[in-house]
Amino acid sequence: MKSKLISLEQAASLVKDGDSVVTSGFVGSGHPEALTWSLEQRFLREQHPRDLSLYFVAGQGDAKDRGLNHFGHKGMVKRGVGGHWGLAPKLGKLALENEIEAYNLPQGVISHMFRDIAAKKPGTITHVGLKTFVDPRLDGGKVNSKTREDIVELINLDGKDYLRYKHFKLDVALIRGTTADEAGNISMEQEVATLEALAQAMATKACGGIVICQVMRLAKSGGINQLFVQIPGILVDYIVLNDMVKSPNLHMQTFEEQYNPYYSGQVQFPEDSLFKRMEMSERKIIARRGLFELLPLGNCVANLGIGMPEGIANVAKEEGVRERITLTVESGPIGGLPASGLSFGASYSPACVLPEPSQFDFYDGGGLDIAFLGAGEIDVKGNVNVSKFGPKFSGCGGFINITQNAKNVVFCTTFTAGSLDIASKDGSLKIVKEGKVKKFVKQVQQITFSGDYAIEKGTNVTYITERCVFKLSKDGLVLTEIAPGVDVQKDILDLMEFKPLIPSSPKLMNPAIYNDCLMNVKG
């Protein structure tokens, strides 16, 4: 059998000018850092390969130099299509400066596109993205003026609107596993998730391209239990073994940790013993109010967005109701406790880990009982923007898939942003210093979540801040609750660019939320 093992330099030389390249990864998990680093080194030496078309699902990077930042050189890339750009500012800068064609599509849609390309289907057809900036009636997912080709089209089937995402050819797949045997079979026993690597490999081979896999160790032929093989050797053309002694940083389990056994299931995470109670802050106040959206659902399946919504798991633990929530992450974990920061995408001791396309099948099919997400801007129609702010854009990630399909959607955000300072005592809230930036605006800069679409679907949508709560209705936002100690006119209405609907007597938010002691919600 001819050896599939090649060097990093040989792998980089296989990528030609004008190739279409796909990379696996979720932040740093599953990203073939050695391969993308080597490709960058070749470009810096030779100015080749040039004019690549780069495709990716999740954000891959550390917001500095790693991951897709290796492609952030003028001339190296001509087109980028991805779900989240914020962790690769060097690549994003090329898009913002009109140096490359750039598209931002829903993360789950791109993960499904690879499966559909593998099956040679005539496009990926889905409702996901309707009435958001991805819809061709708005921006069609285009990031800048250089980007002109329409790759998303509106179609009608059986009287209903759908989006058809057009497919693309793939020449090279750069993926990662843990172990490869001599036949090229790949296992992932030390990865946090299998992600979309199998779908990318299948799609690339269906296009007549090559698959290069980075691993950290080798096994003899047949040396991997067949049930542990995630990518069969028939799909893998070349193997690159990373030197874990000289370059362990090029094959970290996440971009934050070299290896954490809790993520890969070798050790069970002692969640009880390592629990740390959150200090009182606007983040905890919002998380506490969010918990009241969970409690009526009983045992439920949830997704917590990165940032402020993560606090809900902590508050649930503090209140003794953590066991009622099964947490999930877009990357594939079901159960356990999601990690954060540059380890986002991993979970501490999940019950199982699905391939990322299958996780989005679950999400798109309405599997989530409730989802908690952040919000950058909210407008009069209940639209939410999390993807673009002036000259800065990060992209939608899995946000559109999740918010368009969860049964209940809860947005968690401070009422204003920029130097906000609050205090809570004796069951009431005090605004010590108001934020500089209004978050409730007449019109969001980009529609990442469509209020109109949510109304059409009958989704229950709630907007929680530290001082008030809104609900989405067919007539717009309704102010349903206010915090004790808050002046409706001065602290809410005067700081909004539109007037919400106001019932004759909005409810008071539960005073227990604002006391630094247990709320005693466990029934």
Protein backbone atom coordinates (compact mmCIF):
# COMPACT_ATOMS: atom_id res chain seq x y z
CA MET A 1 0.00 0.00 0.00
CA LYS A 2 1.39 3.39 -0.98
CA SER A 3 2.02 5.59 2.04
CA LYS A 4 -0.28 8.59 2.40
CA LEU A 5 2.09 10.28 4.84
CA ILE A 6 3.59 13.55 3.59
CA SER A 7 5.34 16.52 5.16
CA LEU A 8 3.81 19.90 5.97
CA GLU A 9 5.77 21.47 3.13
CA GLN A 10 4.55 18.85 0.67
CA ALA A 11 0.98 19.42 1.80
CA ALA A 12 1.24 23.17 1.26
CA SER A 13 2.66 22.61 -2.24
CA LEU A 14 -0.44 20.64 -3.27
CA VAL A 15 -2.65 23.75 -3.10
CA LYS A 16 -2.62 25.51 -6.47
CA ASP A 17 -3.40 29.06 -7.51
CA GLY A 18 -7.15 29.52 -7.91
CA ASP A 19 -8.09 26.43 -5.90
CA SER A 20 -11.26 26.24 -3.84
CA VAL A 21 -10.23 25.28 -0.29
CA VAL A 22 -12.37 24.22 2.66
CA THR A 23 -11.13 24.07 6.26
CA SER A 24 -12.66 22.31 9.24
CA GLY A 25 -12.84 23.75 12.73
CA PHE A 26 -14.87 25.55 15.40
CA VAL A 27 -12.91 28.43 16.99
CA GLY A 28 -9.76 26.34 17.51
CA SER A 29 -11.29 22.90 17.97
CA GLY A 30 -10.78 20.62 15.00
CA HIS A 31 -8.91 23.28 13.02
CA PRO A 32 -5.83 21.95 11.13
CA GLU A 33 -3.57 24.71 12.44
CA ALA A 34 -0.36 23.10 11.18
CA LEU A 35 -1.75 22.91 7.64
CA THR A 36 -3.08 26.47 7.48
CA TRP A 37 0.10 27.83 9.13
CA SER A 38 2.25 25.99 6.57
CA LEU A 39 0.13 27.34 3.72
CA GLU A 40 0.66 30.87 5.03
CA GLN A 41 4.43 30.33 5.28
CA ARG A 42 4.54 29.19 1.66
CA PHE A 43 2.58 32.25 0.54
CA LEU A 44 4.92 34.58 2.45
CA ARG A 45 7.93 32.94 0.76
CA GLU A 46 6.60 32.49 -2.77
CA GLN A 47 3.44 34.60 -3.06
CA HIS A 48 1.68 31.32 -3.90
CA PRO A 49 -0.92 29.89 -3.76
CA ARG A 50 -2.92 32.93 -4.90
CA ASP A 51 -6.56 33.74 -5.60
CA LEU A 52 -8.00 30.99 -3.44
CA SER A 53 -11.71 30.60 -2.78
CA LEU A 54 -12.04 29.82 0.93
CA TYR A 55 -15.06 28.06 2.46
CA PHE A 56 -15.67 27.55 6.19
CA VAL A 57 -18.59 26.80 8.50
CA ALA A 58 -17.89 28.16 11.98
CA GLY A 59 -15.54 30.93 13.03
CA GLN A 60 -11.97 29.62 13.15
CA GLY A 61 -9.38 31.74 14.91
CA ASP A 62 -8.29 33.48 18.08
CA ALA A 63 -9.15 37.04 16.96
CA LYS A 64 -5.40 37.56 16.40
CA ASP A 65 -3.13 35.33 14.30
CA ARG A 66 -4.33 31.72 14.32
CA GLY A 67 -6.94 29.83 12.34
CA LEU A 68 -8.26 31.57 9.25
CA ASN A 69 -6.06 34.58 10.00
CA HIS A 70 -3.38 32.61 8.16
CA PHE A 71 -5.28 33.46 4.96
CA GLY A 72 -5.39 37.19 5.72
CA HIS A 73 -2.86 38.36 3.13
CA LYS A 74 -3.67 40.44 0.09
CA GLY A 75 -3.61 38.27 -3.03
CA MET A 76 -3.90 34.95 -1.20
CA VAL A 77 -7.72 34.82 -1.22
CA LYS A 78 -10.13 36.14 -3.85
CA ARG A 79 -13.39 34.88 -2.30
CA GLY A 80 -14.50 33.90 1.20
CA VAL A 81 -17.77 32.17 2.13
CA GLY A 82 -18.30 31.52 5.82
CA GLY A 83 -20.66 31.46 8.76
CA HIS A 84 -18.68 33.59 11.22
CA TRP A 85 -15.85 36.01 10.46
CA GLY A 86 -15.24 37.71 13.80
CA LEU A 87 -12.44 35.43 15.00
CA ALA A 88 -10.41 36.04 11.83
CA PRO A 89 -9.96 39.84 11.73
CA LYS A 90 -7.09 39.65 9.23
CA LEU A 91 -9.33 37.87 6.75
CA GLY A 92 -12.27 40.09 7.68
CA LYS A 93 -10.19 43.19 7.03
CA LEU A 94 -9.73 42.12 3.42
CA ALA A 95 -13.50 41.82 3.11
CA LEU A 96 -14.20 45.18 4.75
CA GLU A 97 -11.64 46.90 2.51
CA ASN A 98 -13.24 45.41 -0.61
CA GLU A 99 -10.11 43.39 -1.41
CA ILE A 100 -11.99 40.09 -1.72
CA GLU A 101 -15.49 38.87 -2.52
CA ALA A 102 -17.11 37.91 0.77
CA TYR A 103 -20.32 36.17 1.79
CA ASN A 104 -21.80 35.50 5.20
CA LEU A 105 -24.30 32.64 5.31
CA PRO A 106 -25.94 30.81 8.23
CA GLN A 107 -23.53 28.37 9.81
CA GLY A 108 -25.96 25.46 9.77
CA VAL A 109 -26.77 26.03 6.11
CA ILE A 110 -23.10 25.83 5.12
CA SER A 111 -22.66 22.63 7.14
CA HIS A 112 -25.59 21.14 5.22
CA MET A 113 -24.25 22.38 1.88
CA PHE A 114 -21.27 20.04 2.16
CA ARG A 115 -23.54 17.03 2.61
CA ASP A 116 -25.65 18.14 -0.34
CA ILE A 117 -22.58 18.73 -2.51
CA ALA A 118 -21.40 15.23 -1.61
CA ALA A 119 -24.75 13.86 -2.81
CA LYS A 120 -24.63 16.10 -5.92
CA LYS A 121 -27.96 17.72 -5.12
CA PRO A 122 -28.99 20.83 -7.11
CA GLY A 123 -28.46 23.22 -4.22
CA THR A 124 -29.36 23.40 -0.54
CA ILE A 125 -33.02 24.34 -0.10
CA THR A 126 -34.22 25.58 3.28
CA HIS A 127 -36.37 28.15 5.03
CA VAL A 128 -33.38 29.25 7.12
CA GLY A 129 -32.42 32.84 6.33
CA LEU A 130 -35.77 34.08 5.08
CA LYS A 131 -36.34 37.80 5.81
CA THR A 132 -32.82 38.19 7.24
CA PHE A 133 -29.86 39.86 5.51
CA VAL A 134 -29.19 36.51 3.80
CA ASP A 135 -32.45 36.75 1.86
CA PRO A 136 -31.76 38.00 -1.72
CA ARG A 137 -34.58 40.53 -1.23
CA LEU A 138 -32.19 42.19 1.25
CA ASP A 139 -28.40 41.61 0.96
CA GLY A 140 -28.23 38.00 -0.22
CA GLY A 141 -25.44 37.39 2.30
CA LYS A 142 -23.07 39.75 0.47
CA VAL A 143 -20.60 41.53 2.74
CA ASN A 144 -19.27 44.28 0.46
CA SER A 145 -19.77 46.04 -2.88
CA LYS A 146 -17.10 43.91 -4.62
CA THR A 147 -19.32 40.89 -4.07
CA ARG A 148 -21.85 40.79 -6.91
CA GLU A 149 -22.65 37.21 -7.81
CA ASP A 150 -25.97 36.00 -6.39
CA ILE A 151 -25.43 32.71 -4.58
CA VAL A 152 -28.78 32.70 -2.76
CA GLU A 153 -32.10 32.72 -4.60
CA LEU A 154 -35.73 32.87 -3.49
CA ILE A 155 -37.85 29.97 -4.71
CA ASN A 156 -41.42 28.84 -4.12
CA LEU A 157 -42.43 25.24 -3.48
CA ASP A 158 -46.02 24.20 -2.84
CA GLY A 159 -46.97 27.81 -2.21
CA LYS A 160 -44.23 28.45 0.37
CA ASP A 161 -41.07 30.55 0.10
CA TYR A 162 -37.66 28.94 0.52
CA LEU A 163 -34.06 29.90 -0.13
CA ARG A 164 -31.87 27.92 -2.50
CA TYR A 165 -28.18 28.20 -1.68
CA LYS A 166 -26.12 27.53 -4.78
CA HIS A 167 -23.32 24.99 -4.56
CA PHE A 168 -19.63 25.38 -5.36
CA LYS A 169 -16.75 23.20 -6.50
CA LEU A 170 -14.08 22.09 -4.00
CA ASP A 171 -10.47 21.29 -4.87
CA VAL A 172 -8.82 20.81 -1.46
CA ALA A 173 -10.13 19.93 2.00
CA LEU A 174 -7.91 20.66 5.00
CA ILE A 175 -9.27 18.72 7.99
CA ARG A 176 -8.05 17.36 11.33
CA GLY A 177 -8.27 14.19 13.38
CA THR A 178 -6.43 12.58 16.28
CA THR A 179 -5.11 9.30 14.84
CA ALA A 180 -4.58 7.98 11.31
CA ASP A 181 -3.77 4.41 10.38
CA GLU A 182 -1.76 3.37 7.33
CA ALA A 183 -4.89 3.20 5.17
CA GLY A 184 -5.83 6.76 6.08
CA ASN A 185 -8.70 5.91 8.42
CA ILE A 186 -9.16 8.76 10.89
CA SER A 187 -10.33 8.70 14.51
CA MET A 188 -11.03 11.71 16.73
CA GLU A 189 -10.72 10.43 20.27
CA GLN A 190 -9.03 13.56 21.60
CA GLU A 191 -11.12 16.11 19.68
CA VAL A 192 -14.03 17.93 21.28
CA ALA A 193 -16.35 17.15 18.34
CA THR A 194 -16.31 15.56 14.90
CA LEU A 195 -17.75 18.79 13.42
CA GLU A 196 -18.29 18.77 9.63
CA ALA A 197 -15.01 17.07 8.64
CA LEU A 198 -16.68 13.96 7.19
CA ALA A 199 -19.13 16.01 5.10
CA GLN A 200 -16.29 18.21 3.84
CA ALA A 201 -14.20 15.19 2.88
CA MET A 202 -17.11 13.57 1.05
CA ALA A 203 -17.98 16.80 -0.75
CA THR A 204 -14.41 17.39 -1.86
CA LYS A 205 -14.02 13.85 -3.20
CA ALA A 206 -17.36 14.16 -5.03
CA CYS A 207 -15.90 17.25 -6.74
CA GLY A 208 -12.75 15.37 -7.74
CA GLY A 209 -10.58 17.17 -5.19
CA ILE A 210 -8.04 16.01 -2.62
CA VAL A 211 -8.39 15.61 1.16
CA ILE A 212 -5.45 16.33 3.47
CA CYS A 213 -5.82 15.42 7.15
CA GLN A 214 -3.63 16.62 10.01
CA VAL A 215 -3.22 14.18 12.92
CA MET A 216 -1.18 13.95 16.11
CA ARG A 217 -0.30 10.23 15.94
CA LEU A 218 -0.22 7.18 13.69
CA ALA A 219 -1.44 3.60 13.98
CA LYS A 220 -0.72 0.51 11.90
CA SER A 221 -3.26 -0.61 9.31
CA GLY A 222 -6.41 -1.85 11.06
CA GLY A 223 -5.11 -0.41 14.33
CA ILE A 224 -8.21 1.72 14.96
CA ASN A 225 -11.44 0.11 16.12
CA GLN A 226 -13.85 0.42 13.20
CA LEU A 227 -16.51 1.97 15.43
CA PHE A 228 -14.14 4.81 16.29
CA VAL A 229 -13.27 5.68 12.69
CA GLN A 230 -14.94 9.00 11.83
CA ILE A 231 -13.51 9.43 8.32
CA PRO A 232 -12.77 6.32 6.23
CA GLY A 233 -9.44 6.06 4.47
CA ILE A 234 -11.13 5.91 1.06
CA LEU A 235 -11.86 9.64 1.48
CA VAL A 236 -8.37 10.66 2.63
CA ASP A 237 -5.58 11.26 0.12
CA TYR A 238 -2.79 12.54 2.36
CA ILE A 239 -1.86 12.47 6.05
CA VAL A 240 0.32 15.04 7.81
CA LEU A 241 1.68 14.07 11.22
CA ASN A 242 2.19 17.10 13.45
CA ASP A 243 5.32 17.01 15.59
CA MET A 244 3.77 17.19 19.08
CA VAL A 245 7.18 17.67 20.72
CA LYS A 246 8.42 20.57 18.59
CA SER A 247 5.07 22.16 17.69
CA PRO A 248 2.35 21.22 20.18
CA ASN A 249 0.77 24.65 19.63
CA LEU A 250 -0.10 23.58 16.07
CA HIS A 251 -2.39 20.82 17.33
CA MET A 252 -4.12 22.08 20.48
CA GLN A 253 -7.44 20.58 21.48
CA THR A 254 -8.80 24.14 21.60
CA PHE A 255 -7.05 27.47 21.10
CA GLU A 256 -7.14 27.86 24.89
CA GLU A 257 -6.13 24.41 26.14
CA GLN A 258 -3.61 21.85 24.94
CA TYR A 259 -5.78 19.01 26.19
CA ASN A 260 -8.70 18.77 28.58
CA PRO A 261 -9.91 15.20 29.27
CA TYR A 262 -13.37 16.46 30.28
CA TYR A 263 -14.03 17.55 26.71
CA SER A 264 -13.25 14.19 25.12
CA GLY A 265 -14.98 12.05 27.74
CA GLN A 266 -11.94 10.45 29.33
CA VAL A 267 -12.84 11.91 32.73
CA GLN A 268 -16.22 13.03 34.02
CA PHE A 269 -16.43 16.70 35.02
CA PRO A 270 -17.20 17.35 38.73
CA GLU A 271 -19.61 20.21 38.08
CA ASP A 272 -20.79 20.38 41.71
CA SER A 273 -17.34 20.72 43.28
CA LEU A 274 -16.08 23.38 40.85
CA PHE A 275 -19.19 25.57 40.86
CA LYS A 276 -18.54 29.26 41.57
CA ARG A 277 -21.42 31.57 42.40
CA MET A 278 -21.71 34.65 40.18
CA GLU A 279 -21.39 38.03 41.84
CA MET A 280 -24.35 40.40 41.56
CA SER A 281 -24.15 42.40 38.36
CA GLU A 282 -26.32 43.29 35.38
CA ARG A 283 -25.26 39.98 33.84
CA LYS A 284 -26.52 38.00 36.81
CA ILE A 285 -29.73 40.01 36.99
CA ILE A 286 -30.48 39.25 33.34
CA ALA A 287 -29.59 35.57 33.79
CA ARG A 288 -31.88 35.36 36.83
CA ARG A 289 -34.79 36.81 34.91
CA GLY A 290 -33.99 34.44 32.04
CA LEU A 291 -34.32 31.50 34.41
CA PHE A 292 -37.98 32.37 34.87
CA GLU A 293 -38.49 31.70 31.14
CA LEU A 294 -37.12 28.19 31.64
CA LEU A 295 -39.00 27.10 34.73
CA PRO A 296 -42.49 26.74 33.17
CA LEU A 297 -41.05 24.44 30.49
CA GLY A 298 -40.05 21.73 32.95
CA ASN A 299 -37.24 19.54 31.64
CA CYS A 300 -36.12 21.22 28.43
CA VAL A 301 -33.48 21.26 25.71
CA ALA A 302 -31.72 24.62 25.40
CA ASN A 303 -29.00 26.53 23.62
CA LEU A 304 -27.13 29.31 25.42
CA GLY A 305 -25.38 31.83 23.20
CA ILE A 306 -21.86 32.94 24.03
CA GLY A 307 -21.49 35.88 26.43
CA MET A 308 -24.31 37.07 28.64
CA PRO A 309 -26.65 34.07 28.13
CA GLU A 310 -23.98 31.72 29.51
CA GLY A 311 -24.80 32.99 33.00
CA ILE A 312 -28.16 31.18 32.95
CA ALA A 313 -26.49 27.81 33.50
CA ASN A 314 -24.65 29.22 36.52
CA VAL A 315 -27.82 30.71 38.01
CA ALA A 316 -29.71 27.45 37.41
CA LYS A 317 -26.98 25.61 39.30
CA GLU A 318 -27.11 28.08 42.17
CA GLU A 319 -30.88 27.70 42.43
CA GLY A 320 -30.74 23.89 42.33
CA VAL A 321 -32.58 23.45 39.00
CA ARG A 322 -29.62 22.77 36.70
CA GLU A 323 -30.76 19.17 36.12
CA ARG A 324 -33.89 20.43 34.36
CA ILE A 325 -31.86 21.80 31.44
CA THR A 326 -30.12 19.79 28.72
CA LEU A 327 -27.65 22.20 27.16
CA THR A 328 -26.52 21.92 23.54
CA VAL A 329 -23.86 23.62 21.42
CA GLU A 330 -23.89 24.19 17.63
CA SER A 331 -20.66 22.20 17.26
CA GLY A 332 -22.43 19.00 18.30
CA PRO A 333 -22.40 18.39 22.09
CA ILE A 334 -25.68 17.46 23.80
CA GLY A 335 -25.70 17.56 27.58
CA GLY A 336 -22.86 18.56 29.88
CA LEU A 337 -21.75 22.13 30.43
CA PRO A 338 -20.61 24.25 27.46
CA ALA A 339 -17.11 25.74 27.65
CA SER A 340 -16.50 29.40 26.87
CA GLY A 341 -13.82 31.74 25.50
CA LEU A 342 -11.43 30.15 23.01
CA SER A 343 -12.71 26.73 24.14
CA PHE A 344 -16.26 27.54 22.99
CA GLY A 345 -17.55 24.61 20.98
CA ALA A 346 -16.41 22.10 23.60
CA SER A 347 -18.56 20.85 26.48
CA TYR A 348 -17.57 19.41 29.83
CA SER A 349 -18.73 15.77 29.88
CA PRO A 350 -21.56 15.86 27.31
CA ALA A 351 -23.90 12.88 27.02
CA CYS A 352 -23.05 12.62 23.33
CA VAL A 353 -21.58 14.63 20.47
CA LEU A 354 -23.33 14.75 17.11
CA PRO A 355 -21.67 15.72 13.82
CA GLU A 356 -22.31 19.44 13.34
CA PRO A 357 -24.64 18.99 10.30
CA SER A 358 -26.77 16.60 12.37
CA GLN A 359 -26.91 19.06 15.25
CA PHE A 360 -28.28 21.65 12.83
CA ASP A 361 -30.81 19.10 11.53
CA PHE A 362 -32.03 18.92 15.13
CA TYR A 363 -32.08 22.70 15.47
CA ASP A 364 -33.73 23.38 12.10
CA GLY A 365 -36.40 20.80 12.86
CA GLY A 366 -37.48 22.63 16.01
CA GLY A 367 -35.67 20.44 18.52
CA LEU A 368 -34.79 23.31 20.85
CA ASP A 369 -37.40 24.12 23.46
CA ILE A 370 -35.71 27.43 24.18
CA ALA A 371 -32.70 29.46 23.09
CA PHE A 372 -31.02 32.36 24.86
CA LEU A 373 -29.00 34.71 22.65
CA GLY A 374 -27.35 38.11 22.95
CA ALA A 375 -28.49 41.19 21.03
CA GLY A 376 -26.51 44.14 19.71
CA GLU A 377 -29.41 46.21 18.39
CA ILE A 378 -33.20 45.80 18.59
CA ASP A 379 -35.66 47.83 16.53
CA VAL A 380 -39.32 48.76 16.48
CA LYS A 381 -40.28 45.56 14.62
CA GLY A 382 -38.39 43.33 17.04
CA ASN A 383 -35.60 42.73 14.53
CA VAL A 384 -32.20 41.99 16.10
CA ASN A 385 -28.72 42.71 14.78
CA VAL A 386 -25.70 40.80 16.06
CA SER A 387 -23.71 40.59 12.83
CA LYS A 388 -22.71 44.06 11.59
CA PHE A 389 -22.07 47.42 13.26
CA GLY A 390 -20.81 50.20 11.04
CA PRO A 391 -17.43 49.20 9.58
CA LYS A 392 -17.22 46.16 11.85
CA PHE A 393 -18.81 42.82 11.08
CA SER A 394 -18.53 39.43 12.72
CA GLY A 395 -21.22 37.47 10.91
CA CYS A 396 -24.21 35.45 11.98
CA GLY A 397 -22.69 32.09 12.94
CA GLY A 398 -25.46 29.71 14.02
CA PHE A 399 -27.65 32.58 15.25
CA ILE A 400 -30.11 32.49 12.32
CA ASN A 401 -30.62 28.72 12.42
CA ILE A 402 -31.23 28.81 16.17
CA THR A 403 -33.48 31.86 16.41
CA GLN A 404 -35.64 30.92 13.43
CA ASN A 405 -36.37 27.42 14.71
CA ALA A 406 -36.37 27.29 18.53
CA LYS A 407 -39.85 27.18 20.04
CA ASN A 408 -39.01 29.98 22.47
CA VAL A 409 -36.38 32.65 21.82
CA VAL A 410 -35.02 34.91 24.57
CA PHE A 411 -32.67 37.80 23.84
CA CYS A 412 -30.47 38.82 26.76
CA THR A 413 -28.88 42.27 26.68
CA THR A 414 -28.22 45.34 28.76
CA PHE A 415 -30.63 48.17 27.98
CA THR A 416 -27.79 50.50 26.99
CA ALA A 417 -24.11 49.85 26.28
CA GLY A 418 -20.84 51.58 27.08
CA SER A 419 -19.93 52.35 30.71
CA LEU A 420 -23.30 51.27 32.15
CA ASP A 421 -23.11 50.99 35.95
CA ILE A 422 -25.95 49.64 38.07
CA ALA A 423 -26.56 48.68 41.68
CA SER A 424 -29.17 46.40 43.21
CA LYS A 425 -30.30 46.34 46.82
CA ASP A 426 -33.43 45.54 48.82
CA GLY A 427 -35.24 44.15 45.81
CA SER A 428 -34.80 47.15 43.52
CA LEU A 429 -32.48 48.46 40.80
CA LYS A 430 -30.56 51.73 40.72
CA ILE A 431 -28.95 53.14 37.56
CA VAL A 432 -25.69 54.59 38.90
CA LYS A 433 -24.35 55.59 35.48
CA GLU A 434 -26.21 55.31 32.21
CA GLY A 435 -24.65 53.64 29.16
CA LYS A 436 -23.54 55.83 26.28
CA VAL A 437 -25.06 53.79 23.45
CA LYS A 438 -28.74 53.16 22.79
CA LYS A 439 -29.51 49.56 21.88
CA PHE A 440 -33.22 50.01 21.10
CA VAL A 441 -33.15 51.81 17.74
CA LYS A 442 -35.59 52.75 14.97
CA GLN A 443 -33.99 50.37 12.50
CA VAL A 444 -31.19 47.86 12.97
CA GLN A 445 -28.18 48.11 10.66
CA GLN A 446 -28.59 44.49 9.59
CA ILE A 447 -31.40 42.01 10.20
CA THR A 448 -29.91 38.88 11.75
CA PHE A 449 -33.24 38.00 13.39
CA SER A 450 -36.52 38.91 11.69
CA GLY A 451 -39.40 39.89 13.94
CA ASP A 452 -41.83 39.52 11.04
CA TYR A 453 -40.70 35.97 10.35
CA ALA A 454 -41.02 35.07 14.05
CA ILE A 455 -44.59 36.37 14.08
CA GLU A 456 -45.40 34.31 10.97
CA LYS A 457 -44.05 31.17 12.66
CA GLY A 458 -45.72 31.89 16.00
CA THR A 459 -42.43 31.92 17.92
CA ASN A 460 -42.59 33.14 21.51
CA VAL A 461 -39.98 35.93 21.65
CA THR A 462 -38.82 37.74 24.79
CA TYR A 463 -36.27 40.54 25.22
CA ILE A 464 -34.75 40.70 28.71
CA THR A 465 -32.69 43.60 30.06
CA GLU A 466 -31.57 44.47 33.56
CA ARG A 467 -34.37 47.03 33.91
CA CYS A 468 -37.29 45.80 31.83
CA VAL A 469 -38.71 43.01 29.69
CA PHE A 470 -40.38 43.19 26.27
CA LYS A 471 -42.46 40.66 24.35
CA LEU A 472 -42.85 40.54 20.57
CA SER A 473 -46.38 40.99 19.24
CA LYS A 474 -47.77 41.42 15.72
CA ASP A 475 -47.93 45.16 16.43
CA GLY A 476 -44.33 45.45 17.67
CA LEU A 477 -42.57 45.35 21.03
CA VAL A 478 -44.68 45.35 24.18
CA LEU A 479 -43.19 46.56 27.46
CA THR A 480 -44.41 43.85 29.83
CA GLU A 481 -42.25 44.22 32.96
CA ILE A 482 -40.20 46.91 34.68
CA ALA A 483 -37.70 46.60 37.50
CA PRO A 484 -38.55 47.91 40.97
CA GLY A 485 -36.90 51.32 41.40
CA VAL A 486 -36.89 52.16 37.67
CA ASP A 487 -38.63 55.23 36.25
CA VAL A 488 -40.44 54.20 33.06
CA GLN A 489 -40.08 57.56 31.35
CA LYS A 490 -36.55 58.57 32.39
CA ASP A 491 -34.85 55.15 32.51
CA ILE A 492 -36.63 53.41 29.62
CA LEU A 493 -38.68 55.48 27.15
CA ASP A 494 -36.30 58.46 26.97
CA LEU A 495 -33.48 56.06 26.05
CA MET A 496 -35.30 54.37 23.15
CA GLU A 497 -35.50 55.63 19.56
CA PHE A 498 -39.08 54.39 19.32
CA LYS A 499 -42.01 54.05 21.67
CA PRO A 500 -43.04 50.48 22.50
CA LEU A 501 -46.58 49.38 23.24
CA ILE A 502 -47.28 49.84 26.94
CA PRO A 503 -50.08 48.08 28.82
CA SER A 504 -51.98 50.15 31.36
CA SER A 505 -50.02 48.53 34.18
CA PRO A 506 -46.77 46.69 33.32
CA LYS A 507 -45.81 44.05 35.85
CA LEU A 508 -42.95 44.54 38.27
CA MET A 509 -40.02 42.20 37.71
CA ASN A 510 -39.66 39.79 40.61
CA PRO A 511 -37.89 41.70 43.43
CA ALA A 512 -36.03 38.50 44.34
CA ILE A 513 -33.97 38.98 41.18
CA TYR A 514 -32.33 42.03 42.73
CA ASN A 515 -31.42 40.57 46.13
CA ASP A 516 -28.02 38.95 46.65
CA CYS A 517 -29.46 35.73 48.01
CA LEU A 518 -31.23 32.67 46.64
CA MET A 519 -34.49 33.32 44.80
CA ASN A 520 -35.84 29.94 46.03
CA VAL A 521 -37.40 29.03 42.67
CA LYS A 522 -37.05 25.27 43.08
CA GLY A 523 -40.50 23.76 43.25
